[in-house]
Amino acid sequence: MKNIIITGTSRGIGFELAKKFSKAGHNVLALSRNVGPVTNLKLANCHSFSFDITKVSDITKVSEFIEKNWKKVDVLIHNSGLLVNAPFSEIQITDFKRVYEVNVFGVAALTQAVLPFMASEGHVLTISSMGGIQGSMKFPGLSAYSSSKGAVLTLTELLAEEYKETGPSFNALALGAVQTEMLAEAFPGYEAPLTAIEMADYIYDFSLNGNKYYNGKILQVSSSTP
């Protein structure tokens, strides 16, 4: 039994991950601004509270929960994300800031808070996007989202280097098209080849075992973009 933290659990891949880890017997801290979908399931070993990754007070609540209940964290999965779909000529700088606060600064802040509780064999896994991969296909309207996903990929590589002597391991998965609500926001009407459940199955296994084989790596998990 491992202690798993997952962000962005109100829908899509994060929601499916919370169910899968809990049903497998692991302890789960499911973090999302909307806790209703997870709490309504009444999952065993699954804790949740309303969480905004951009708020320092909410980051502190996570540290306090770990200290009181778990003492250690085995896996941290950064799955939450914010997408704004707008032409670059129309998008506001405030929109850029909102996206980066969730997709980059929030990831950094939560990682800082959780690291003191992680052992050398721990795994910090960031869910990114093919839109953040250099040389991959890019799409109009996603300047803030895709550039933020590129930023967390570089952050992953930097943290792996900084903590390579002590651990934990840091890896990122750059996902292609998965049938989620966020994909529908970016590409209305598009039908992806993979479901959220199918991708959650892959992420589940990788989060538990991928750090045995990889550190500081960006793995492209994509059969379609979009």
Protein backbone atom coordinates (compact mmCIF):
# COMPACT_ATOMS: atom_id res chain seq x y z
CA MET A 1 0.00 0.00 0.00
CA LYS A 2 1.39 3.37 -1.07
CA ASN A 3 0.43 6.96 -0.34
CA ILE A 4 -0.60 8.74 -3.54
CA ILE A 5 -1.42 12.40 -4.15
CA ILE A 6 -3.30 13.28 -7.33
CA THR A 7 -4.38 16.74 -8.46
CA GLY A 8 -7.21 17.52 -10.84
CA THR A 9 -9.46 14.68 -9.70
CA SER A 10 -12.90 16.16 -10.37
CA ARG A 11 -13.09 14.81 -13.93
CA GLY A 12 -11.29 13.00 -16.72
CA ILE A 13 -8.02 11.20 -16.13
CA GLY A 14 -7.58 12.41 -12.55
CA PHE A 15 -11.02 11.16 -11.56
CA GLU A 16 -10.28 7.74 -13.04
CA LEU A 17 -6.88 7.61 -11.34
CA ALA A 18 -8.41 8.31 -7.93
CA LYS A 19 -10.82 5.41 -8.41
CA LYS A 20 -8.14 3.04 -9.67
CA PHE A 21 -5.62 3.68 -6.89
CA SER A 22 -8.27 3.46 -4.20
CA LYS A 23 -9.73 0.21 -5.52
CA ALA A 24 -6.20 -1.24 -5.64
CA GLY A 25 -5.85 -0.59 -1.91
CA HIS A 26 -3.60 2.46 -1.94
CA ASN A 27 -4.12 5.56 0.19
CA VAL A 28 -5.20 8.47 -1.98
CA LEU A 29 -5.34 12.22 -1.43
CA ALA A 30 -7.55 13.49 -4.25
CA LEU A 31 -7.16 17.23 -4.77
CA SER A 32 -9.50 19.42 -6.78
CA ARG A 33 -11.50 22.61 -6.38
CA ASN A 34 -14.64 20.51 -6.88
CA VAL A 35 -14.50 17.55 -4.49
CA GLY A 36 -18.06 16.41 -5.15
CA PRO A 37 -17.38 13.83 -7.89
CA VAL A 38 -14.81 11.97 -5.78
CA THR A 39 -16.50 12.25 -2.39
CA ASN A 40 -19.78 11.02 -3.86
CA LEU A 41 -18.06 7.74 -4.73
CA LYS A 42 -17.28 7.07 -1.05
CA LEU A 43 -14.03 5.35 -1.99
CA ALA A 44 -12.10 3.43 0.64
CA ASN A 45 -8.76 4.96 1.69
CA CYS A 46 -9.51 8.09 -0.35
CA HIS A 47 -9.30 11.50 1.28
CA SER A 48 -10.23 14.75 -0.40
CA PHE A 49 -10.78 18.40 0.35
CA SER A 50 -11.39 21.45 -1.77
CA PHE A 51 -8.02 22.52 -3.15
CA ASP A 52 -6.90 25.42 -5.31
CA ILE A 53 -3.31 24.86 -6.42
CA THR A 54 -2.79 28.61 -6.79
CA LYS A 55 -3.50 29.33 -3.10
CA VAL A 56 -0.70 29.18 -0.54
CA SER A 57 -3.19 28.32 2.20
CA ASP A 58 -4.36 25.26 0.29
CA ILE A 59 -0.79 24.11 -0.35
CA THR A 60 -0.24 24.38 3.41
CA LYS A 61 -3.30 22.21 4.02
CA VAL A 62 -1.67 19.44 2.03
CA SER A 63 1.51 19.59 4.13
CA GLU A 64 -0.56 19.52 7.31
CA PHE A 65 -2.57 16.53 6.08
CA ILE A 66 0.57 14.55 5.27
CA GLU A 67 2.18 15.37 8.61
CA LYS A 68 -0.91 14.36 10.56
CA ASN A 69 -2.04 11.30 8.61
CA TRP A 70 0.69 9.77 6.48
CA LYS A 71 4.15 11.08 7.37
CA LYS A 72 5.38 10.11 3.88
CA VAL A 73 4.30 10.30 0.23
CA ASP A 74 5.25 7.69 -2.35
CA VAL A 75 3.81 9.21 -5.54
CA LEU A 76 2.79 12.74 -6.47
CA ILE A 77 0.86 13.03 -9.74
CA HIS A 78 0.47 16.53 -11.15
CA ASN A 79 -2.63 16.14 -13.27
CA SER A 80 -4.51 19.41 -12.80
CA GLY A 81 -4.51 21.83 -15.68
CA LEU A 82 -6.11 24.99 -17.00
CA LEU A 83 -6.73 25.62 -20.68
CA VAL A 84 -7.69 28.88 -22.37
CA ASN A 85 -8.55 28.57 -26.05
CA ALA A 86 -8.25 31.97 -27.72
CA PRO A 87 -6.39 33.53 -30.66
CA PHE A 88 -3.11 35.12 -29.61
CA SER A 89 -4.34 38.49 -30.87
CA GLU A 90 -7.25 38.32 -28.43
CA ILE A 91 -5.93 36.48 -25.38
CA GLN A 92 -5.28 38.66 -22.36
CA ILE A 93 -2.08 38.63 -20.34
CA THR A 94 -4.27 37.92 -17.32
CA ASP A 95 -5.32 34.70 -19.07
CA PHE A 96 -1.66 33.78 -19.58
CA LYS A 97 -1.02 34.38 -15.90
CA ARG A 98 -3.99 32.25 -14.82
CA VAL A 99 -2.83 29.35 -16.97
CA TYR A 100 0.76 29.55 -15.73
CA GLU A 101 -0.36 29.87 -12.10
CA VAL A 102 -2.08 26.49 -12.36
CA ASN A 103 0.08 24.63 -14.87
CA VAL A 104 3.54 25.81 -13.79
CA PHE A 105 3.69 27.82 -10.57
CA GLY A 106 1.18 25.57 -8.80
CA VAL A 107 3.12 22.49 -9.82
CA ALA A 108 6.31 24.02 -8.42
CA ALA A 109 4.67 25.09 -5.16
CA LEU A 110 2.99 21.75 -4.45
CA THR A 111 6.19 19.89 -5.29
CA GLN A 112 8.12 22.04 -2.81
CA ALA A 113 5.54 21.27 -0.13
CA VAL A 114 5.51 17.51 -0.70
CA LEU A 115 9.23 16.85 -1.26
CA PRO A 116 10.16 16.84 2.46
CA PHE A 117 7.86 13.83 2.87
CA MET A 118 9.22 11.83 -0.07
CA ALA A 119 11.92 9.18 0.17
CA SER A 120 14.57 8.45 -2.44
CA GLU A 121 12.37 5.85 -4.10
CA GLY A 122 9.46 8.28 -4.49
CA HIS A 123 8.12 9.44 -7.84
CA VAL A 124 6.93 12.87 -8.93
CA LEU A 125 5.02 12.48 -12.19
CA THR A 126 3.79 15.46 -14.20
CA ILE A 127 1.11 15.04 -16.83
CA SER A 128 1.95 17.36 -19.70
CA SER A 129 0.94 17.56 -23.34
CA MET A 130 2.34 16.90 -26.80
CA GLY A 131 1.66 20.60 -27.33
CA GLY A 132 4.64 21.28 -25.07
CA ILE A 133 7.06 19.07 -27.02
CA GLN A 134 9.57 20.83 -29.23
CA GLY A 135 8.97 19.99 -32.88
CA SER A 136 5.53 18.50 -32.31
CA MET A 137 2.40 19.72 -34.08
CA LYS A 138 1.02 22.94 -32.62
CA PHE A 139 -2.50 24.30 -32.83
CA PRO A 140 -3.81 27.88 -32.92
CA GLY A 141 -5.54 29.22 -29.84
CA LEU A 142 -3.42 27.29 -27.35
CA SER A 143 -0.48 29.68 -26.91
CA ALA A 144 -0.85 29.92 -23.13
CA TYR A 145 -1.68 26.26 -22.51
CA SER A 146 0.93 24.64 -24.74
CA SER A 147 3.73 26.98 -23.71
CA SER A 148 2.95 26.29 -20.04
CA LYS A 149 3.11 22.55 -20.71
CA GLY A 150 6.51 23.06 -22.30
CA ALA A 151 7.64 24.89 -19.16
CA VAL A 152 6.78 22.02 -16.81
CA LEU A 153 8.67 19.60 -19.04
CA THR A 154 11.83 21.65 -18.59
CA LEU A 155 11.09 21.92 -14.86
CA THR A 156 10.90 18.13 -14.67
CA GLU A 157 14.34 17.76 -16.23
CA LEU A 158 15.82 20.39 -13.92
CA LEU A 159 14.42 18.84 -10.75
CA ALA A 160 15.62 15.37 -11.74
CA GLU A 161 19.11 16.78 -12.06
CA GLU A 162 18.91 18.71 -8.80
CA TYR A 163 17.70 15.69 -6.81
CA LYS A 164 19.54 12.91 -8.66
CA GLU A 165 21.76 12.09 -5.66
CA THR A 166 18.96 11.92 -3.10
CA GLY A 167 15.75 11.26 -5.03
CA PRO A 168 12.88 11.21 -5.57
CA SER A 169 12.63 10.63 -9.31
CA PHE A 170 10.95 13.12 -11.63
CA ASN A 171 9.34 12.22 -14.93
CA ALA A 172 6.69 13.63 -17.24
CA LEU A 173 4.25 12.15 -19.69
CA ALA A 174 3.38 14.26 -22.72
CA LEU A 175 -0.08 13.06 -23.71
CA GLY A 176 -1.66 13.18 -27.10
CA ALA A 177 -5.41 13.20 -27.65
CA VAL A 178 -7.50 11.63 -24.88
CA GLN A 179 -11.29 11.90 -24.78
CA THR A 180 -11.71 14.29 -21.86
CA GLU A 181 -13.63 17.46 -21.14
CA MET A 182 -10.46 19.49 -21.62
CA LEU A 183 -9.92 18.03 -25.09
CA ALA A 184 -13.48 19.01 -25.96
CA GLU A 185 -12.70 22.58 -24.88
CA ALA A 186 -9.66 22.71 -27.14
CA PHE A 187 -11.07 20.77 -30.09
CA PRO A 188 -14.88 20.82 -30.06
CA GLY A 189 -16.37 17.81 -31.82
CA TYR A 190 -13.11 15.86 -32.10
CA GLU A 191 -13.21 12.21 -31.02
CA ALA A 192 -9.94 10.95 -29.55
CA PRO A 193 -8.69 7.37 -30.00
CA LEU A 194 -8.19 6.87 -26.26
CA THR A 195 -10.57 7.21 -23.33
CA ALA A 196 -9.74 8.71 -19.95
CA ILE A 197 -9.97 5.24 -18.41
CA GLU A 198 -7.47 3.79 -20.88
CA MET A 199 -4.98 6.58 -20.25
CA ALA A 200 -5.50 6.31 -16.50
CA ASP A 201 -4.54 2.63 -16.71
CA TYR A 202 -1.24 3.57 -18.36
CA ILE A 203 -0.49 6.40 -15.92
CA TYR A 204 -1.33 4.17 -12.96
CA ASP A 205 1.28 1.61 -13.92
CA PHE A 206 3.88 4.19 -14.89
CA SER A 207 3.53 6.18 -11.67
CA LEU A 208 4.18 3.06 -9.60
CA ASN A 209 6.96 1.55 -11.70
CA GLY A 210 8.32 4.06 -14.19
CA ASN A 211 10.79 5.56 -11.76
CA LYS A 212 12.63 2.22 -11.65
CA TYR A 213 13.64 2.77 -15.27
CA TYR A 214 13.47 6.53 -15.86
CA ASN A 215 14.46 9.78 -14.21
CA GLY A 216 14.29 13.22 -15.76
CA LYS A 217 12.62 11.80 -18.85
CA ILE A 218 9.83 13.15 -21.02
CA LEU A 219 7.86 10.28 -22.52
CA GLN A 220 5.53 10.94 -25.41
CA VAL A 221 2.29 8.98 -24.95
CA SER A 222 0.45 9.73 -28.12
CA SER A 223 -1.27 7.93 -30.96
CA SER A 224 -2.94 11.12 -32.17
CA THR A 225 -2.33 14.88 -31.83
CA PRO A 226 -5.12 15.63 -31.62
